[in-house]
C-alpha cells in the first residue's frame, strides 16, 4: 500500500479518519501494519502491502 493512499482512505464503517501504524515498509510502500479508526475503535490489517478494509465480521 502506498503511504499517499492515506489521503483518500476512510473507515468503511463510519467514514472516519484512519491512522496508519507501520510494522514494515520499503520507502513509500507499507508492507505490513494496521489502519486504525478511533471513532469505531476498529483496526484494519495491512498484509503483504494490501489493506483489508472489510468490516470485522466479514474477515477470515
PDB file of N, CA and C in Angstrom:
ATOM      1  N   UNK A   1       0.837  -1.160   0.000  1.00  0.00           N
ATOM      2  CA  UNK A   1       0.000   0.000   0.000  1.00  0.00           C
ATOM      3  C   UNK A   1       0.888   1.230   0.000  1.00  0.00           C
ATOM      4  N   UNK A   2       0.626   2.154  -0.868  1.00  0.00           N
ATOM      5  CA  UNK A   2       1.371   3.413  -0.905  1.00  0.00           C
ATOM      6  C   UNK A   2       0.932   4.304   0.255  1.00  0.00           C
ATOM      7  N   UNK A   3       1.897   4.943   0.915  1.00  0.00           N
ATOM      8  CA  UNK A   3       1.584   5.830   2.034  1.00  0.00           C
ATOM      9  C   UNK A   3       0.674   6.973   1.600  1.00  0.00           C
ATOM     10  N   UNK A   4       0.793   7.421   0.351  1.00  0.00           N
ATOM     11  CA  UNK A   4      -0.028   8.532  -0.139  1.00  0.00           C
ATOM     12  C   UNK A   4      -1.513   8.176  -0.207  1.00  0.00           C
ATOM     13  N   UNK A   5      -1.859   6.877  -0.139  1.00  0.00           N
ATOM     14  CA  UNK A   5      -3.269   6.471  -0.143  1.00  0.00           C
ATOM     15  C   UNK A   5      -4.006   6.950   1.096  1.00  0.00           C
ATOM     16  N   UNK A   6      -3.282   7.320   2.145  1.00  0.00           N
ATOM     17  CA  UNK A   6      -3.915   7.805   3.368  1.00  0.00           C
ATOM     18  C   UNK A   6      -4.750   9.051   3.101  1.00  0.00           C
ATOM     19  N   UNK A   7      -4.447   9.768   2.021  1.00  0.00           N
ATOM     20  CA  UNK A   7      -5.212  10.969   1.670  1.00  0.00           C
ATOM     21  C   UNK A   7      -6.629  10.643   1.225  1.00  0.00           C
ATOM     22  N   UNK A   8      -6.869   9.413   0.763  1.00  0.00           N
ATOM     23  CA  UNK A   8      -8.185   9.067   0.225  1.00  0.00           C
ATOM     24  C   UNK A   8      -8.903   7.976   1.007  1.00  0.00           C
ATOM     25  N   UNK A   9      -8.202   7.254   1.878  1.00  0.00           N
ATOM     26  CA  UNK A   9      -8.833   6.171   2.632  1.00  0.00           C
ATOM     27  C   UNK A   9      -9.647   6.701   3.810  1.00  0.00           C
ATOM     28  N   UNK A  10     -10.766   6.044   4.082  1.00  0.00           N
ATOM     29  CA  UNK A  10     -11.603   6.357   5.242  1.00  0.00           C
ATOM     30  C   UNK A  10     -12.146   5.045   5.800  1.00  0.00           C
ATOM     31  N   UNK A  11     -12.571   5.079   7.021  1.00  0.00           N
ATOM     32  CA  UNK A  11     -13.150   3.905   7.662  1.00  0.00           C
ATOM     33  C   UNK A  11     -14.386   3.464   6.879  1.00  0.00           C
ATOM     34  N   UNK A  12     -14.482   2.181   6.516  1.00  0.00           N
ATOM     35  CA  UNK A  12     -15.643   1.714   5.763  1.00  0.00           C
ATOM     36  C   UNK A  12     -16.929   1.680   6.596  1.00  0.00           C
ATOM     37  N   UNK A  13     -16.809   1.698   7.917  1.00  0.00           N
ATOM     38  CA  UNK A  13     -17.995   1.652   8.770  1.00  0.00           C
ATOM     39  C   UNK A  13     -18.586   3.032   9.022  1.00  0.00           C
ATOM     40  N   UNK A  14     -17.730   4.006   9.381  1.00  0.00           N
ATOM     41  CA  UNK A  14     -18.241   5.323   9.771  1.00  0.00           C
ATOM     42  C   UNK A  14     -17.717   6.462   8.906  1.00  0.00           C
ATOM     43  N   UNK A  15     -16.843   6.146   7.962  1.00  0.00           N
ATOM     44  CA  UNK A  15     -16.211   7.143   7.082  1.00  0.00           C
ATOM     45  C   UNK A  15     -15.262   8.074   7.846  1.00  0.00           C
ATOM     46  N   UNK A  16     -14.852   7.645   9.040  1.00  0.00           N
ATOM     47  CA  UNK A  16     -13.936   8.427   9.872  1.00  0.00           C
ATOM     48  C   UNK A  16     -12.506   8.366   9.372  1.00  0.00           C
ATOM     49  N   UNK A  17     -11.684   9.202   9.958  1.00  0.00           N
ATOM     50  CA  UNK A  17     -10.267   9.278   9.609  1.00  0.00           C
ATOM     51  C   UNK A  17      -9.529   8.049  10.140  1.00  0.00           C
ATOM     52  N   UNK A  18      -8.581   7.557   9.363  1.00  0.00           N
ATOM     53  CA  UNK A  18      -7.779   6.404   9.747  1.00  0.00           C
ATOM     54  C   UNK A  18      -6.371   6.840  10.107  1.00  0.00           C
ATOM     55  N   UNK A  19      -5.778   6.144  11.077  1.00  0.00           N
ATOM     56  CA  UNK A  19      -4.399   6.379  11.491  1.00  0.00           C
ATOM     57  C   UNK A  19      -3.568   5.190  11.026  1.00  0.00           C
ATOM     58  N   UNK A  20      -2.466   5.464  10.352  1.00  0.00           N
ATOM     59  CA  UNK A  20      -1.583   4.421   9.834  1.00  0.00           C
ATOM     60  C   UNK A  20      -0.539   4.043  10.870  1.00  0.00           C
ATOM     61  N   UNK A  21      -0.466   2.760  11.201  1.00  0.00           N
ATOM     62  CA  UNK A  21       0.567   2.202  12.083  1.00  0.00           C
ATOM     63  C   UNK A  21       1.389   1.238  11.246  1.00  0.00           C
ATOM     64  N   UNK A  22       2.663   1.549  11.045  1.00  0.00           N
ATOM     65  CA  UNK A  22       3.521   0.760  10.154  1.00  0.00           C
ATOM     66  C   UNK A  22       4.372  -0.221  10.951  1.00  0.00           C
ATOM     67  N   UNK A  23       4.303  -1.495  10.573  1.00  0.00           N
ATOM     68  CA  UNK A  23       5.185  -2.524  11.139  1.00  0.00           C
ATOM     69  C   UNK A  23       6.399  -2.731  10.244  1.00  0.00           C
ATOM     70  N   UNK A  24       6.166  -2.673   8.926  1.00  0.00           N
ATOM     71  CA  UNK A  24       7.232  -2.882   7.945  1.00  0.00           C
ATOM     72  C   UNK A  24       6.941  -2.045   6.710  1.00  0.00           C
ATOM     73  N   UNK A  25       7.977  -1.369   6.206  1.00  0.00           N
ATOM     74  CA  UNK A  25       7.807  -0.592   4.973  1.00  0.00           C
ATOM     75  C   UNK A  25       9.072  -0.628   4.140  1.00  0.00           C
ATOM     76  N   UNK A  26       8.913  -0.262   2.883  1.00  0.00           N
ATOM     77  CA  UNK A  26      10.029  -0.138   1.942  1.00  0.00           C
ATOM     78  C   UNK A  26       9.848   1.181   1.213  1.00  0.00           C
ATOM     79  N   UNK A  27      10.492   2.238   1.698  1.00  0.00           N
ATOM     80  CA  UNK A  27      10.324   3.552   1.098  1.00  0.00           C
ATOM     81  C   UNK A  27       8.915   4.062   1.311  1.00  0.00           C
ATOM     82  N   UNK A  28       8.206   4.318   0.227  1.00  0.00           N
ATOM     83  CA  UNK A  28       6.832   4.823   0.294  1.00  0.00           C
ATOM     84  C   UNK A  28       5.781   3.712   0.307  1.00  0.00           C
ATOM     85  N   UNK A  29       6.223   2.469   0.339  1.00  0.00           N
ATOM     86  CA  UNK A  29       5.316   1.313   0.317  1.00  0.00           C
ATOM     87  C   UNK A  29       5.214   0.691   1.713  1.00  0.00           C
ATOM     88  N   UNK A  30       3.986   0.580   2.237  1.00  0.00           N
ATOM     89  CA  UNK A  30       3.745  -0.085   3.512  1.00  0.00           C
ATOM     90  C   UNK A  30       3.539  -1.564   3.234  1.00  0.00           C
ATOM     91  N   UNK A  31       4.357  -2.395   3.840  1.00  0.00           N
ATOM     92  CA  UNK A  31       4.276  -3.845   3.644  1.00  0.00           C
ATOM     93  C   UNK A  31       3.329  -4.473   4.663  1.00  0.00           C
ATOM     94  N   UNK A  32       3.449  -4.074   5.925  1.00  0.00           N
ATOM     95  CA  UNK A  32       2.548  -4.593   6.955  1.00  0.00           C
ATOM     96  C   UNK A  32       2.318  -3.533   8.021  1.00  0.00           C
ATOM     97  N   UNK A  33       1.171  -3.669   8.676  1.00  0.00           N
ATOM     98  CA  UNK A  33       0.791  -2.714   9.717  1.00  0.00           C
ATOM     99  C   UNK A  33      -0.710  -2.734   9.895  1.00  0.00           C
ATOM    100  N   UNK A  34      -1.254  -1.624  10.384  1.00  0.00           N
ATOM    101  CA  UNK A  34      -2.691  -1.517  10.579  1.00  0.00           C
ATOM    102  C   UNK A  34      -3.170  -0.115  10.240  1.00  0.00           C
ATOM    103  N   UNK A  35      -4.442  -0.033   9.945  1.00  0.00           N
ATOM    104  CA  UNK A  35      -5.152   1.233   9.835  1.00  0.00           C
ATOM    105  C   UNK A  35      -6.128   1.244  11.003  1.00  0.00           C
ATOM    106  N   UNK A  36      -6.139   2.332  11.770  1.00  0.00           N
ATOM    107  CA  UNK A  36      -6.963   2.398  12.975  1.00  0.00           C
ATOM    108  C   UNK A  36      -7.976   3.531  12.878  1.00  0.00           C
ATOM    109  N   UNK A  37      -9.228   3.237  13.205  1.00  0.00           N
ATOM    110  CA  UNK A  37     -10.285   4.245  13.278  1.00  0.00           C
ATOM    111  C   UNK A  37     -10.610   4.471  14.753  1.00  0.00           C
ATOM    112  N   UNK A  38     -10.303   5.662  15.272  1.00  0.00           N
ATOM    113  CA  UNK A  38     -10.570   5.981  16.677  1.00  0.00           C
ATOM    114  C   UNK A  38     -12.073   6.069  16.944  1.00  0.00           C
ATOM    115  N   UNK A  39     -12.849   6.534  15.971  1.00  0.00           N
ATOM    116  CA  UNK A  39     -14.296   6.676  16.157  1.00  0.00           C
ATOM    117  C   UNK A  39     -14.965   5.323  16.390  1.00  0.00           C
ATOM    118  N   UNK A  40     -14.549   4.303  15.658  1.00  0.00           N
ATOM    119  CA  UNK A  40     -15.125   2.951  15.782  1.00  0.00           C
ATOM    120  C   UNK A  40     -14.313   2.058  16.712  1.00  0.00           C
ATOM    121  N   UNK A  41     -13.096   2.490  17.048  1.00  0.00           N
ATOM    122  CA  UNK A  41     -12.138   1.670  17.791  1.00  0.00           C
ATOM    123  C   UNK A  41     -11.918   0.346  17.065  1.00  0.00           C
ATOM    124  N   UNK A  42     -11.724   0.457  15.751  1.00  0.00           N
ATOM    125  CA  UNK A  42     -11.549  -0.722  14.894  1.00  0.00           C
ATOM    126  C   UNK A  42     -10.216  -0.654  14.164  1.00  0.00           C
ATOM    127  N   UNK A  43      -9.561  -1.806  14.033  1.00  0.00           N
ATOM    128  CA  UNK A  43      -8.303  -1.922  13.298  1.00  0.00           C
ATOM    129  C   UNK A  43      -8.535  -2.672  11.994  1.00  0.00           C
ATOM    130  N   UNK A  44      -7.848  -2.242  10.946  1.00  0.00           N
ATOM    131  CA  UNK A  44      -7.867  -2.907   9.645  1.00  0.00           C
ATOM    132  C   UNK A  44      -6.428  -3.299   9.316  1.00  0.00           C
ATOM    133  N   UNK A  45      -6.165  -4.593   9.129  1.00  0.00           N
ATOM    134  CA  UNK A  45      -4.790  -5.044   8.898  1.00  0.00           C
ATOM    135  C   UNK A  45      -4.279  -4.718   7.498  1.00  0.00           C
ATOM    136  N   UNK A  46      -2.977  -4.515   7.413  1.00  0.00           N
ATOM    137  CA  UNK A  46      -2.270  -4.400   6.132  1.00  0.00           C
ATOM    138  C   UNK A  46      -1.297  -5.563   6.097  1.00  0.00           C
ATOM    139  N   UNK A  47      -1.453  -6.460   5.120  1.00  0.00           N
ATOM    140  CA  UNK A  47      -0.592  -7.632   4.985  1.00  0.00           C
ATOM    141  C   UNK A  47      -0.112  -7.748   3.552  1.00  0.00           C
ATOM    142  N   UNK A  48       1.170  -7.921   3.384  1.00  0.00           N
ATOM    143  CA  UNK A  48       1.792  -8.039   2.060  1.00  0.00           C
ATOM    144  C   UNK A  48       1.440  -6.844   1.176  1.00  0.00           C
ATOM    145  N   UNK A  49       1.328  -5.654   1.807  1.00  0.00           N
ATOM    146  CA  UNK A  49       1.072  -4.431   1.063  1.00  0.00           C
ATOM    147  C   UNK A  49      -0.380  -4.176   0.713  1.00  0.00           C
ATOM    148  N   UNK A  50      -1.294  -5.031   1.204  1.00  0.00           N
ATOM    149  CA  UNK A  50      -2.715  -4.902   0.851  1.00  0.00           C
ATOM    150  C   UNK A  50      -3.536  -4.630   2.119  1.00  0.00           C
ATOM    151  N   UNK A  51      -4.234  -3.480   2.163  1.00  0.00           N
ATOM    152  CA  UNK A  51      -5.099  -3.218   3.317  1.00  0.00           C
ATOM    153  C   UNK A  51      -6.401  -4.015   3.207  1.00  0.00           C
ATOM    154  N   UNK A  52      -6.799  -4.645   4.301  1.00  0.00           N
ATOM    155  CA  UNK A  52      -8.049  -5.398   4.351  1.00  0.00           C
ATOM    156  C   UNK A  52      -9.112  -4.473   4.959  1.00  0.00           C
ATOM    157  N   UNK A  53      -9.923  -3.861   4.108  1.00  0.00           N
ATOM    158  CA  UNK A  53     -10.907  -2.878   4.543  1.00  0.00           C
ATOM    159  C   UNK A  53     -12.298  -3.486   4.734  1.00  0.00           C
ATOM    160  N   UNK A  54     -12.372  -4.804   4.787  1.00  0.00           N
ATOM    161  CA  UNK A  54     -13.659  -5.449   5.033  1.00  0.00           C
ATOM    162  C   UNK A  54     -14.089  -5.206   6.481  1.00  0.00           C
ATOM    163  N   UNK A  55     -15.388  -5.076   6.727  1.00  0.00           N
ATOM    164  CA  UNK A  55     -15.874  -4.978   8.108  1.00  0.00           C
ATOM    165  C   UNK A  55     -15.409  -6.210   8.900  1.00  0.00           C
ATOM    166  N   UNK A  56     -15.194  -6.055  10.194  1.00  0.00           N
ATOM    167  CA  UNK A  56     -14.645  -7.155  11.023  1.00  0.00           C
ATOM    168  C   UNK A  56     -15.387  -8.479  10.876  1.00  0.00           C
ATOM    169  N   UNK A  57     -16.699  -8.452  10.789  1.00  0.00           N
ATOM    170  CA  UNK A  57     -17.459  -9.705  10.713  1.00  0.00           C
ATOM    171  C   UNK A  57     -17.309 -10.423   9.382  1.00  0.00           C
ATOM    172  N   UNK A  58     -16.730  -9.764   8.378  1.00  0.00           N
ATOM    173  CA  UNK A  58     -16.552 -10.376   7.055  1.00  0.00           C
ATOM    174  C   UNK A  58     -15.130 -10.892   6.816  1.00  0.00           C
ATOM    175  N   UNK A  59     -14.222 -10.639   7.755  1.00  0.00           N
ATOM    176  CA  UNK A  59     -12.835 -11.104   7.611  1.00  0.00           C
ATOM    177  C   UNK A  59     -12.697 -12.548   8.046  1.00  0.00           C
ATOM    178  N   UNK A  60     -11.716 -13.228   7.475  1.00  0.00           N
ATOM    179  CA  UNK A  60     -11.411 -14.623   7.888  1.00  0.00           C
ATOM    180  C   UNK A  60     -10.619 -14.636   9.156  1.00  0.00           C
TER     181      UNK A  60
END
